[in-house]
């Protein structure tokens, strides 16, 4: 497997941006014949013409999503930029599949159909599934992972969510020369042996854990404390988080830096490793919080904190 990465800061002039990105890719040493492009684009750019131009100029499928920043290259951190990574191999094969518009009513069936379509295109069982769903919080992220795990027979699933910066940004996924707000993109890859190194990038900032006493799906209603139960918002407030400001600003970025850690110790398959849940909204009137993943009643909850130094150390450790 070989890769070529290109960056541009031309988010306003899409024609120029596509020229800069394509030139870097096309002037790279001869790439193997099986290729796919992965595009991460600032959420405020004109996504549809950019994806269409890159697909035309490079004659390959382009997948990806919007984001608020990028990591990579000599500079490391790129704000308001566009990044394109091309993966190429003689041994690996890639099959990209674009779902039909998803809804909470038929998400699992749609995901299963899309995987089977991708497997047929690939012509063999994949070794890795790369998934990029659009932001639709009526569908729990657990449904994507659990459905793909079941239908594929345990093929590893990696991926992420689209990012966007209000008020002018847009949340989009890219595939088939276009950008979509209600679809999911799957890339199935064969001919590789994926290796994973997982390290924690968070510290616990609570003295003790609290039990989730009332929840449904990804919604957390109440959390147990010394006085009985409190709403989820009151629980966050007790930890010193400025919930009023975050609710007024519609700013979820601080919740990314302070994820909820859940110990699913009430489950039979509990492996001792907590899972992360990012809160995407809180309701000041009802006191509930809504997560992008399932939060089962009875799980032990704590608050985490992700800091730059922790990310640096854990990344270095995982790479080694």
C-alpha atoms as a PDB file:
ATOM      1  CA  UNK A   1       0.000   0.000   0.000  1.00  0.00           C
ATOM      2  CA  UNK A   2       1.264   3.450  -0.918  1.00  0.00           C
ATOM      3  CA  UNK A   3      -0.195   6.841  -0.071  1.00  0.00           C
ATOM      4  CA  UNK A   4       0.150  10.402  -1.315  1.00  0.00           C
ATOM      5  CA  UNK A   5      -1.205  13.332   0.716  1.00  0.00           C
ATOM      6  CA  UNK A   6      -1.935  16.858  -0.541  1.00  0.00           C
ATOM      7  CA  UNK A   7      -3.159  19.967   1.287  1.00  0.00           C
ATOM      8  CA  UNK A   8      -4.541  23.313   0.132  1.00  0.00           C
ATOM      9  CA  UNK A   9      -5.807  26.417   1.917  1.00  0.00           C
ATOM     10  CA  UNK A  10      -7.850  27.572  -1.087  1.00  0.00           C
ATOM     11  CA  UNK A  11     -11.288  26.945   0.413  1.00  0.00           C
ATOM     12  CA  UNK A  12     -12.927  29.857  -1.450  1.00  0.00           C
ATOM     13  CA  UNK A  13     -11.584  29.195  -4.969  1.00  0.00           C
ATOM     14  CA  UNK A  14     -12.628  25.607  -5.583  1.00  0.00           C
ATOM     15  CA  UNK A  15     -11.197  25.432  -9.110  1.00  0.00           C
ATOM     16  CA  UNK A  16      -7.791  26.485  -7.802  1.00  0.00           C
ATOM     17  CA  UNK A  17      -8.079  24.120  -4.835  1.00  0.00           C
ATOM     18  CA  UNK A  18      -8.800  21.145  -7.098  1.00  0.00           C
ATOM     19  CA  UNK A  19      -5.842  22.110  -9.336  1.00  0.00           C
ATOM     20  CA  UNK A  20      -3.440  22.263  -6.373  1.00  0.00           C
ATOM     21  CA  UNK A  21      -4.599  18.951  -4.940  1.00  0.00           C
ATOM     22  CA  UNK A  22      -4.652  17.118  -8.273  1.00  0.00           C
ATOM     23  CA  UNK A  23      -1.212  18.408  -9.268  1.00  0.00           C
ATOM     24  CA  UNK A  24       0.358  17.027  -6.091  1.00  0.00           C
ATOM     25  CA  UNK A  25      -1.244  13.626  -6.674  1.00  0.00           C
ATOM     26  CA  UNK A  26      -0.539  13.445 -10.413  1.00  0.00           C
ATOM     27  CA  UNK A  27       3.127  14.451 -10.062  1.00  0.00           C
ATOM     28  CA  UNK A  28       3.808  11.759  -7.453  1.00  0.00           C
ATOM     29  CA  UNK A  29       5.879   8.751  -8.561  1.00  0.00           C
ATOM     30  CA  UNK A  30       3.844   6.166 -10.472  1.00  0.00           C
ATOM     31  CA  UNK A  31       1.066   4.841  -8.258  1.00  0.00           C
ATOM     32  CA  UNK A  32      -0.264   1.259  -8.306  1.00  0.00           C
ATOM     33  CA  UNK A  33      -3.422   0.718 -10.323  1.00  0.00           C
ATOM     34  CA  UNK A  34      -5.959   0.132  -7.534  1.00  0.00           C
ATOM     35  CA  UNK A  35      -6.689   3.555  -6.003  1.00  0.00           C
ATOM     36  CA  UNK A  36      -9.113   5.535  -3.903  1.00  0.00           C
ATOM     37  CA  UNK A  37      -9.077   9.141  -2.677  1.00  0.00           C
ATOM     38  CA  UNK A  38     -10.079  10.157   0.858  1.00  0.00           C
ATOM     39  CA  UNK A  39     -11.013  13.830   1.099  1.00  0.00           C
ATOM     40  CA  UNK A  40     -11.347  15.866   4.295  1.00  0.00           C
ATOM     41  CA  UNK A  41     -12.637  19.351   3.555  1.00  0.00           C
ATOM     42  CA  UNK A  42     -13.308  22.457   5.630  1.00  0.00           C
ATOM     43  CA  UNK A  43     -17.031  22.598   6.359  1.00  0.00           C
ATOM     44  CA  UNK A  44     -17.433  26.063   4.793  1.00  0.00           C
ATOM     45  CA  UNK A  45     -16.104  25.178   1.310  1.00  0.00           C
ATOM     46  CA  UNK A  46     -18.222  24.453  -1.776  1.00  0.00           C
ATOM     47  CA  UNK A  47     -18.131  20.690  -1.425  1.00  0.00           C
ATOM     48  CA  UNK A  48     -20.109  19.446  -4.417  1.00  0.00           C
ATOM     49  CA  UNK A  49     -18.044  21.093  -7.198  1.00  0.00           C
ATOM     50  CA  UNK A  50     -14.811  20.195  -5.396  1.00  0.00           C
ATOM     51  CA  UNK A  51     -15.642  16.490  -5.215  1.00  0.00           C
ATOM     52  CA  UNK A  52     -16.833  16.449  -8.823  1.00  0.00           C
ATOM     53  CA  UNK A  53     -13.689  18.203 -10.096  1.00  0.00           C
ATOM     54  CA  UNK A  54     -11.312  15.935  -8.181  1.00  0.00           C
ATOM     55  CA  UNK A  55     -13.079  12.810  -9.363  1.00  0.00           C
ATOM     56  CA  UNK A  56     -12.824  14.035 -12.958  1.00  0.00           C
ATOM     57  CA  UNK A  57      -9.191  15.171 -12.763  1.00  0.00           C
ATOM     58  CA  UNK A  58      -7.909  12.067 -10.971  1.00  0.00           C
ATOM     59  CA  UNK A  59     -10.181   9.427 -12.559  1.00  0.00           C
ATOM     60  CA  UNK A  60     -10.768   7.663  -9.249  1.00  0.00           C
ATOM     61  CA  UNK A  61     -13.467   7.417  -6.631  1.00  0.00           C
ATOM     62  CA  UNK A  62     -13.318  10.157  -3.990  1.00  0.00           C
ATOM     63  CA  UNK A  63     -14.883   9.591  -0.561  1.00  0.00           C
ATOM     64  CA  UNK A  64     -14.654  11.617   2.633  1.00  0.00           C
ATOM     65  CA  UNK A  65     -16.410  14.211   4.762  1.00  0.00           C
ATOM     66  CA  UNK A  66     -16.424  17.752   6.085  1.00  0.00           C
ATOM     67  CA  UNK A  67     -14.329  18.700   9.083  1.00  0.00           C
ATOM     68  CA  UNK A  68     -13.371  21.684  11.252  1.00  0.00           C
ATOM     69  CA  UNK A  69      -9.599  21.073  11.064  1.00  0.00           C
ATOM     70  CA  UNK A  70      -7.043  18.574   9.770  1.00  0.00           C
ATOM     71  CA  UNK A  71      -3.954  16.836  11.105  1.00  0.00           C
ATOM     72  CA  UNK A  72      -1.096  15.756   8.850  1.00  0.00           C
ATOM     73  CA  UNK A  73       1.995  16.736   6.945  1.00  0.00           C
ATOM     74  CA  UNK A  74       4.959  18.733   8.218  1.00  0.00           C
ATOM     75  CA  UNK A  75       2.775  21.478   9.725  1.00  0.00           C
ATOM     76  CA  UNK A  76       0.691  19.039  11.755  1.00  0.00           C
ATOM     77  CA  UNK A  77      -2.411  21.128  12.432  1.00  0.00           C
ATOM     78  CA  UNK A  78      -4.336  22.705   9.557  1.00  0.00           C
ATOM     79  CA  UNK A  79      -7.256  25.031  10.176  1.00  0.00           C
ATOM     80  CA  UNK A  80      -9.615  25.976   7.309  1.00  0.00           C
ATOM     81  CA  UNK A  81      -7.910  23.637   4.868  1.00  0.00           C
ATOM     82  CA  UNK A  82      -8.620  20.769   2.480  1.00  0.00           C
ATOM     83  CA  UNK A  83      -6.687  17.510   2.578  1.00  0.00           C
ATOM     84  CA  UNK A  84      -6.693  14.658   0.071  1.00  0.00           C
ATOM     85  CA  UNK A  85      -5.071  11.289   0.696  1.00  0.00           C
ATOM     86  CA  UNK A  86      -4.824   8.773  -2.132  1.00  0.00           C
ATOM     87  CA  UNK A  87      -4.324   5.124  -1.201  1.00  0.00           C
ATOM     88  CA  UNK A  88      -2.956   2.864  -3.945  1.00  0.00           C
ATOM     89  CA  UNK A  89      -1.963  -0.784  -4.130  1.00  0.00           C
ATOM     90  CA  UNK A  90      -1.549  -3.658  -6.568  1.00  0.00           C
ATOM     91  CA  UNK A  91      -2.613  -6.188  -3.932  1.00  0.00           C
ATOM     92  CA  UNK A  92      -5.492  -4.416  -2.197  1.00  0.00           C
ATOM     93  CA  UNK A  93      -8.906  -3.762  -3.702  1.00  0.00           C
ATOM     94  CA  UNK A  94     -11.351  -0.983  -2.781  1.00  0.00           C
ATOM     95  CA  UNK A  95     -15.127  -0.883  -3.124  1.00  0.00           C
ATOM     96  CA  UNK A  96     -16.999   2.323  -2.243  1.00  0.00           C
ATOM     97  CA  UNK A  97     -20.743   2.198  -1.596  1.00  0.00           C
ATOM     98  CA  UNK A  98     -23.141   5.103  -1.086  1.00  0.00           C
ATOM     99  CA  UNK A  99     -26.254   4.326   0.928  1.00  0.00           C
ATOM    100  CA  UNK A 100     -29.715   5.491   0.063  1.00  0.00           C
ATOM    101  CA  UNK A 101     -31.027   8.202   2.446  1.00  0.00           C
ATOM    102  CA  UNK A 102     -31.139   6.701   5.919  1.00  0.00           C
ATOM    103  CA  UNK A 103     -33.834   6.946   8.559  1.00  0.00           C
ATOM    104  CA  UNK A 104     -34.113   5.566  12.060  1.00  0.00           C
ATOM    105  CA  UNK A 105     -36.925   3.250  10.903  1.00  0.00           C
ATOM    106  CA  UNK A 106     -34.880   1.267   8.387  1.00  0.00           C
ATOM    107  CA  UNK A 107     -31.240   2.084   9.207  1.00  0.00           C
ATOM    108  CA  UNK A 108     -30.175  -1.466  10.042  1.00  0.00           C
ATOM    109  CA  UNK A 109     -31.733  -2.910   6.877  1.00  0.00           C
ATOM    110  CA  UNK A 110     -30.119  -0.188   4.756  1.00  0.00           C
ATOM    111  CA  UNK A 111     -26.712  -0.766   6.331  1.00  0.00           C
ATOM    112  CA  UNK A 112     -26.961  -4.514   5.743  1.00  0.00           C
ATOM    113  CA  UNK A 113     -27.977  -4.028   2.106  1.00  0.00           C
ATOM    114  CA  UNK A 114     -25.152  -1.573   1.492  1.00  0.00           C
ATOM    115  CA  UNK A 115     -22.558  -3.932   2.941  1.00  0.00           C
ATOM    116  CA  UNK A 116     -23.768  -6.811   0.770  1.00  0.00           C
ATOM    117  CA  UNK A 117     -23.683  -4.540  -2.291  1.00  0.00           C
ATOM    118  CA  UNK A 118     -20.119  -3.500  -1.464  1.00  0.00           C
ATOM    119  CA  UNK A 119     -19.014  -7.075  -0.911  1.00  0.00           C
ATOM    120  CA  UNK A 120     -20.440  -8.036  -4.312  1.00  0.00           C
ATOM    121  CA  UNK A 121     -18.540  -5.163  -5.945  1.00  0.00           C
ATOM    122  CA  UNK A 122     -15.356  -6.177  -4.158  1.00  0.00           C
ATOM    123  CA  UNK A 123     -15.779  -9.803  -5.220  1.00  0.00           C
ATOM    124  CA  UNK A 124     -14.464 -11.157  -1.922  1.00  0.00           C
ATOM    125  CA  UNK A 125     -14.765 -10.756   1.838  1.00  0.00           C
ATOM    126  CA  UNK A 126     -13.181  -7.454   2.982  1.00  0.00           C
ATOM    127  CA  UNK A 127     -10.484  -7.265   5.634  1.00  0.00           C
ATOM    128  CA  UNK A 128     -11.446  -3.745   6.749  1.00  0.00           C
ATOM    129  CA  UNK A 129     -14.576  -1.581   6.638  1.00  0.00           C
ATOM    130  CA  UNK A 130     -14.206   2.205   6.582  1.00  0.00           C
ATOM    131  CA  UNK A 131     -17.505   3.911   7.450  1.00  0.00           C
ATOM    132  CA  UNK A 132     -18.485   7.598   7.302  1.00  0.00           C
ATOM    133  CA  UNK A 133     -22.091   8.292   8.305  1.00  0.00           C
ATOM    134  CA  UNK A 134     -23.704  11.717   7.994  1.00  0.00           C
ATOM    135  CA  UNK A 135     -24.798  13.386  11.205  1.00  0.00           C
ATOM    136  CA  UNK A 136     -28.236  12.033  12.005  1.00  0.00           C
ATOM    137  CA  UNK A 137     -28.557  11.696  15.747  1.00  0.00           C
ATOM    138  CA  UNK A 138     -31.889   9.905  15.439  1.00  0.00           C
ATOM    139  CA  UNK A 139     -29.736   6.883  14.488  1.00  0.00           C
ATOM    140  CA  UNK A 140     -27.431   5.621  17.223  1.00  0.00           C
ATOM    141  CA  UNK A 141     -23.833   5.086  16.138  1.00  0.00           C
ATOM    142  CA  UNK A 142     -24.010   1.692  17.846  1.00  0.00           C
ATOM    143  CA  UNK A 143     -26.463   0.597  15.143  1.00  0.00           C
ATOM    144  CA  UNK A 144     -23.879   1.167  12.404  1.00  0.00           C
ATOM    145  CA  UNK A 145     -21.103  -0.711  14.160  1.00  0.00           C
ATOM    146  CA  UNK A 146     -23.214  -3.560  15.508  1.00  0.00           C
ATOM    147  CA  UNK A 147     -24.991  -4.136  12.188  1.00  0.00           C
ATOM    148  CA  UNK A 148     -21.756  -4.093  10.164  1.00  0.00           C
ATOM    149  CA  UNK A 149     -20.101  -6.402  12.686  1.00  0.00           C
ATOM    150  CA  UNK A 150     -22.977  -8.879  12.476  1.00  0.00           C
ATOM    151  CA  UNK A 151     -23.462  -8.896   8.693  1.00  0.00           C
ATOM    152  CA  UNK A 152     -19.720  -9.063   7.937  1.00  0.00           C
ATOM    153  CA  UNK A 153     -18.934 -11.781  10.460  1.00  0.00           C
ATOM    154  CA  UNK A 154     -16.621  -9.608  12.558  1.00  0.00           C
ATOM    155  CA  UNK A 155     -14.653  -7.610   9.967  1.00  0.00           C
ATOM    156  CA  UNK A 156     -13.040  -4.617  11.774  1.00  0.00           C
ATOM    157  CA  UNK A 157     -14.914  -1.329  11.375  1.00  0.00           C
ATOM    158  CA  UNK A 158     -13.202   2.075  11.579  1.00  0.00           C
ATOM    159  CA  UNK A 159     -14.450   5.515  10.682  1.00  0.00           C
ATOM    160  CA  UNK A 160     -15.817   8.744  12.079  1.00  0.00           C
ATOM    161  CA  UNK A 161     -18.445  11.441  11.954  1.00  0.00           C
ATOM    162  CA  UNK A 162     -18.647  14.514   9.786  1.00  0.00           C
ATOM    163  CA  UNK A 163     -17.553  17.750  11.431  1.00  0.00           C
ATOM    164  CA  UNK A 164     -18.822  21.255  10.831  1.00  0.00           C
ATOM    165  CA  UNK A 165     -18.369  24.728  12.267  1.00  0.00           C
ATOM    166  CA  UNK A 166     -21.489  26.843  12.843  1.00  0.00           C
ATOM    167  CA  UNK A 167     -22.930  29.140  11.695  1.00  0.00           C
ATOM    168  CA  UNK A 168     -21.697  28.853   8.093  1.00  0.00           C
ATOM    169  CA  UNK A 169     -20.383  25.306   7.919  1.00  0.00           C
ATOM    170  CA  UNK A 170     -22.251  22.310   6.567  1.00  0.00           C
ATOM    171  CA  UNK A 171     -22.134  18.636   7.539  1.00  0.00           C
ATOM    172  CA  UNK A 172     -21.570  16.491   4.431  1.00  0.00           C
ATOM    173  CA  UNK A 173     -20.181  13.141   3.295  1.00  0.00           C
ATOM    174  CA  UNK A 174     -18.609  12.701  -0.147  1.00  0.00           C
ATOM    175  CA  UNK A 175     -19.005   9.948  -2.743  1.00  0.00           C
ATOM    176  CA  UNK A 176     -19.812   9.441  -6.423  1.00  0.00           C
ATOM    177  CA  UNK A 177     -18.770  12.994  -7.324  1.00  0.00           C
ATOM    178  CA  UNK A 178     -21.219  14.659  -4.938  1.00  0.00           C
ATOM    179  CA  UNK A 179     -21.814  15.724  -1.321  1.00  0.00           C
ATOM    180  CA  UNK A 180     -24.693  14.509   0.852  1.00  0.00           C
ATOM    181  CA  UNK A 181     -26.248  15.388   4.200  1.00  0.00           C
ATOM    182  CA  UNK A 182     -28.361  12.239   4.656  1.00  0.00           C
ATOM    183  CA  UNK A 183     -26.205   9.360   3.420  1.00  0.00           C
ATOM    184  CA  UNK A 184     -23.439   7.093   4.635  1.00  0.00           C
ATOM    185  CA  UNK A 185     -20.360   6.016   2.720  1.00  0.00           C
ATOM    186  CA  UNK A 186     -18.756   2.604   3.118  1.00  0.00           C
ATOM    187  CA  UNK A 187     -15.355   1.627   1.765  1.00  0.00           C
ATOM    188  CA  UNK A 188     -14.579  -2.101   1.834  1.00  0.00           C
ATOM    189  CA  UNK A 189     -10.897  -3.016   1.534  1.00  0.00           C
ATOM    190  CA  UNK A 190      -9.434  -6.455   0.790  1.00  0.00           C
ATOM    191  CA  UNK A 191      -5.891  -7.743   0.351  1.00  0.00           C
ATOM    192  CA  UNK A 192      -4.542  -6.200   3.563  1.00  0.00           C
ATOM    193  CA  UNK A 193      -3.866  -7.278   7.144  1.00  0.00           C
ATOM    194  CA  UNK A 194      -5.055  -4.427   9.363  1.00  0.00           C
ATOM    195  CA  UNK A 195      -3.177  -3.885  12.624  1.00  0.00           C
ATOM    196  CA  UNK A 196      -4.651  -1.798  15.440  1.00  0.00           C
ATOM    197  CA  UNK A 197      -2.894  -0.151  18.370  1.00  0.00           C
ATOM    198  CA  UNK A 198      -5.359   1.403  20.810  1.00  0.00           C
ATOM    199  CA  UNK A 199      -4.315   3.748  23.611  1.00  0.00           C
ATOM    200  CA  UNK A 200      -6.366   5.899  25.964  1.00  0.00           C
ATOM    201  CA  UNK A 201      -6.190   9.660  25.423  1.00  0.00           C
ATOM    202  CA  UNK A 202      -8.233  10.722  28.424  1.00  0.00           C
ATOM    203  CA  UNK A 203      -8.016  11.151  32.173  1.00  0.00           C
ATOM    204  CA  UNK A 204     -10.894  10.795  34.599  1.00  0.00           C
ATOM    205  CA  UNK A 205     -11.769  14.082  36.262  1.00  0.00           C
ATOM    206  CA  UNK A 206     -14.340  12.743  38.762  1.00  0.00           C
ATOM    207  CA  UNK A 207     -13.627  11.513  42.268  1.00  0.00           C
ATOM    208  CA  UNK A 208     -16.100   8.673  41.868  1.00  0.00           C
ATOM    209  CA  UNK A 209     -18.434   7.166  39.314  1.00  0.00           C
ATOM    210  CA  UNK A 210     -22.188   7.672  39.188  1.00  0.00           C
ATOM    211  CA  UNK A 211     -24.807   5.215  37.995  1.00  0.00           C
ATOM    212  CA  UNK A 212     -27.147   6.097  35.158  1.00  0.00           C
ATOM    213  CA  UNK A 213     -30.556   5.704  36.793  1.00  0.00           C
ATOM    214  CA  UNK A 214     -32.775   6.660  33.865  1.00  0.00           C
ATOM    215  CA  UNK A 215     -31.955   6.590  30.154  1.00  0.00           C
ATOM    216  CA  UNK A 216     -33.331   5.593  26.764  1.00  0.00           C
ATOM    217  CA  UNK A 217     -31.178   4.991  23.696  1.00  0.00           C
ATOM    218  CA  UNK A 218     -28.630   7.779  23.738  1.00  0.00           C
ATOM    219  CA  UNK A 219     -30.630  10.045  26.059  1.00  0.00           C
ATOM    220  CA  UNK A 220     -29.536  10.368  29.702  1.00  0.00           C
ATOM    221  CA  UNK A 221     -32.267  11.600  32.040  1.00  0.00           C
ATOM    222  CA  UNK A 222     -31.002  11.082  35.582  1.00  0.00           C
ATOM    223  CA  UNK A 223     -27.795  10.108  37.348  1.00  0.00           C
ATOM    224  CA  UNK A 224     -27.480   8.760  40.884  1.00  0.00           C
ATOM    225  CA  UNK A 225     -25.733  10.854  43.522  1.00  0.00           C
ATOM    226  CA  UNK A 226     -25.436  11.039  47.314  1.00  0.00           C
ATOM    227  CA  UNK A 227     -28.869  12.652  47.622  1.00  0.00           C
ATOM    228  CA  UNK A 228     -30.639  10.158  45.359  1.00  0.00           C
ATOM    229  CA  UNK A 229     -30.938  11.206  41.725  1.00  0.00           C
ATOM    230  CA  UNK A 230     -30.144  14.356  39.782  1.00  0.00           C
ATOM    231  CA  UNK A 231     -30.814  15.346  36.210  1.00  0.00           C
ATOM    232  CA  UNK A 232     -27.917  14.911  33.799  1.00  0.00           C
ATOM    233  CA  UNK A 233     -27.560  18.684  33.418  1.00  0.00           C
ATOM    234  CA  UNK A 234     -27.407  19.119  37.202  1.00  0.00           C
ATOM    235  CA  UNK A 235     -24.776  16.383  37.290  1.00  0.00           C
ATOM    236  CA  UNK A 236     -22.640  18.313  34.771  1.00  0.00           C
ATOM    237  CA  UNK A 237     -23.253  21.532  36.687  1.00  0.00           C
ATOM    238  CA  UNK A 238     -22.049  19.882  39.909  1.00  0.00           C
ATOM    239  CA  UNK A 239     -18.734  19.187  38.187  1.00  0.00           C
ATOM    240  CA  UNK A 240     -18.270  22.869  37.418  1.00  0.00           C
ATOM    241  CA  UNK A 241     -19.068  22.763  33.701  1.00  0.00           C
ATOM    242  CA  UNK A 242     -20.658  25.996  32.362  1.00  0.00           C
ATOM    243  CA  UNK A 243     -23.753  24.265  31.017  1.00  0.00           C
ATOM    244  CA  UNK A 244     -25.752  27.491  30.601  1.00  0.00           C
ATOM    245  CA  UNK A 245     -23.132  28.968  28.283  1.00  0.00           C
ATOM    246  CA  UNK A 246     -22.742  25.790  26.267  1.00  0.00           C
ATOM    247  CA  UNK A 247     -26.477  25.464  25.840  1.00  0.00           C
ATOM    248  CA  UNK A 248     -26.807  29.096  24.723  1.00  0.00           C
ATOM    249  CA  UNK A 249     -23.858  28.929  22.313  1.00  0.00           C
ATOM    250  CA  UNK A 250     -24.893  25.567  20.822  1.00  0.00           C
ATOM    251  CA  UNK A 251     -21.218  24.737  21.208  1.00  0.00           C
ATOM    252  CA  UNK A 252     -20.515  21.008  21.431  1.00  0.00           C
ATOM    253  CA  UNK A 253     -16.719  21.284  21.061  1.00  0.00           C
ATOM    254  CA  UNK A 254     -16.131  21.388  24.862  1.00  0.00           C
ATOM    255  CA  UNK A 255     -18.124  18.161  25.148  1.00  0.00           C
ATOM    256  CA  UNK A 256     -15.657  16.531  22.742  1.00  0.00           C
ATOM    257  CA  UNK A 257     -12.830  17.520  25.089  1.00  0.00           C
ATOM    258  CA  UNK A 258     -14.845  16.211  28.056  1.00  0.00           C
ATOM    259  CA  UNK A 259     -16.381  12.906  26.944  1.00  0.00           C
ATOM    260  CA  UNK A 260     -18.532  10.705  29.116  1.00  0.00           C
ATOM    261  CA  UNK A 261     -16.836   7.443  30.121  1.00  0.00           C
ATOM    262  CA  UNK A 262     -19.123   4.448  30.622  1.00  0.00           C
ATOM    263  CA  UNK A 263     -18.328   1.193  32.381  1.00  0.00           C
ATOM    264  CA  UNK A 264     -20.791  -1.368  31.049  1.00  0.00           C
ATOM    265  CA  UNK A 265     -20.159  -3.663  34.014  1.00  0.00           C
ATOM    266  CA  UNK A 266     -23.797  -4.786  34.052  1.00  0.00           C
ATOM    267  CA  UNK A 267     -23.297  -6.561  30.707  1.00  0.00           C
ATOM    268  CA  UNK A 268     -22.287 -10.215  30.380  1.00  0.00           C
ATOM    269  CA  UNK A 269     -19.625  -9.341  27.766  1.00  0.00           C
ATOM    270  CA  UNK A 270     -18.031  -6.541  29.822  1.00  0.00           C
ATOM    271  CA  UNK A 271     -14.277  -6.503  29.158  1.00  0.00           C
ATOM    272  CA  UNK A 272     -13.244  -3.950  31.771  1.00  0.00           C
ATOM    273  CA  UNK A 273     -12.571  -1.196  29.230  1.00  0.00           C
ATOM    274  CA  UNK A 274     -14.780   1.932  29.412  1.00  0.00           C
ATOM    275  CA  UNK A 275     -16.342   3.316  26.227  1.00  0.00           C
ATOM    276  CA  UNK A 276     -16.546   6.969  25.253  1.00  0.00           C
ATOM    277  CA  UNK A 277     -19.773   8.819  24.610  1.00  0.00           C
ATOM    278  CA  UNK A 278     -19.805  12.380  23.284  1.00  0.00           C
ATOM    279  CA  UNK A 279     -22.726  14.585  24.297  1.00  0.00           C
ATOM    280  CA  UNK A 280     -24.114  16.517  21.333  1.00  0.00           C
ATOM    281  CA  UNK A 281     -26.930  18.393  23.085  1.00  0.00           C
ATOM    282  CA  UNK A 282     -28.367  19.228  26.480  1.00  0.00           C
ATOM    283  CA  UNK A 283     -31.856  20.455  27.377  1.00  0.00           C
ATOM    284  CA  UNK A 284     -31.900  23.050  30.137  1.00  0.00           C
ATOM    285  CA  UNK A 285     -35.651  22.681  30.727  1.00  0.00           C
ATOM    286  CA  UNK A 286     -35.810  18.903  31.137  1.00  0.00           C
ATOM    287  CA  UNK A 287     -32.223  18.405  32.317  1.00  0.00           C
ATOM    288  CA  UNK A 288     -31.535  15.607  29.857  1.00  0.00           C
ATOM    289  CA  UNK A 289     -28.453  15.116  27.704  1.00  0.00           C
ATOM    290  CA  UNK A 290     -28.248  13.312  24.379  1.00  0.00           C
ATOM    291  CA  UNK A 291     -25.235  11.236  23.374  1.00  0.00           C
ATOM    292  CA  UNK A 292     -24.182  10.088  19.897  1.00  0.00           C
ATOM    293  CA  UNK A 293     -24.107   6.511  21.214  1.00  0.00           C
ATOM    294  CA  UNK A 294     -26.190   4.253  23.426  1.00  0.00           C
ATOM    295  CA  UNK A 295     -26.112   4.873  27.197  1.00  0.00           C
ATOM    296  CA  UNK A 296     -27.695   1.912  29.006  1.00  0.00           C
ATOM    297  CA  UNK A 297     -29.438   2.330  32.312  1.00  0.00           C
ATOM    298  CA  UNK A 298     -27.257   1.021  35.141  1.00  0.00           C
ATOM    299  CA  UNK A 299     -23.929   1.838  33.486  1.00  0.00           C
ATOM    300  CA  UNK A 300     -21.308   3.500  35.683  1.00  0.00           C
ATOM    301  CA  UNK A 301     -20.649   7.009  34.419  1.00  0.00           C
ATOM    302  CA  UNK A 302     -17.702   9.345  34.885  1.00  0.00           C
ATOM    303  CA  UNK A 303     -16.397  12.455  33.150  1.00  0.00           C
ATOM    304  CA  UNK A 304     -13.211  12.380  31.112  1.00  0.00           C
ATOM    305  CA  UNK A 305     -10.813  15.026  29.890  1.00  0.00           C
ATOM    306  CA  UNK A 306      -8.708  14.961  26.726  1.00  0.00           C
ATOM    307  CA  UNK A 307      -5.691  17.267  26.613  1.00  0.00           C
ATOM    308  CA  UNK A 308      -3.037  17.952  24.021  1.00  0.00           C
ATOM    309  CA  UNK A 309      -0.242  16.312  25.987  1.00  0.00           C
ATOM    310  CA  UNK A 310      -2.276  13.141  26.536  1.00  0.00           C
ATOM    311  CA  UNK A 311      -2.993  12.897  22.804  1.00  0.00           C
ATOM    312  CA  UNK A 312       0.703  13.376  21.955  1.00  0.00           C
ATOM    313  CA  UNK A 313       1.941  10.742  24.408  1.00  0.00           C
ATOM    314  CA  UNK A 314      -0.701   8.137  23.573  1.00  0.00           C
ATOM    315  CA  UNK A 315      -0.196   8.608  19.815  1.00  0.00           C
ATOM    316  CA  UNK A 316       3.562   8.172  20.160  1.00  0.00           C
ATOM    317  CA  UNK A 317       3.047   5.085  22.316  1.00  0.00           C
ATOM    318  CA  UNK A 318       0.572   3.525  19.855  1.00  0.00           C
ATOM    319  CA  UNK A 319       2.845   4.128  16.859  1.00  0.00           C
ATOM    320  CA  UNK A 320       5.841   2.568  18.622  1.00  0.00           C
END
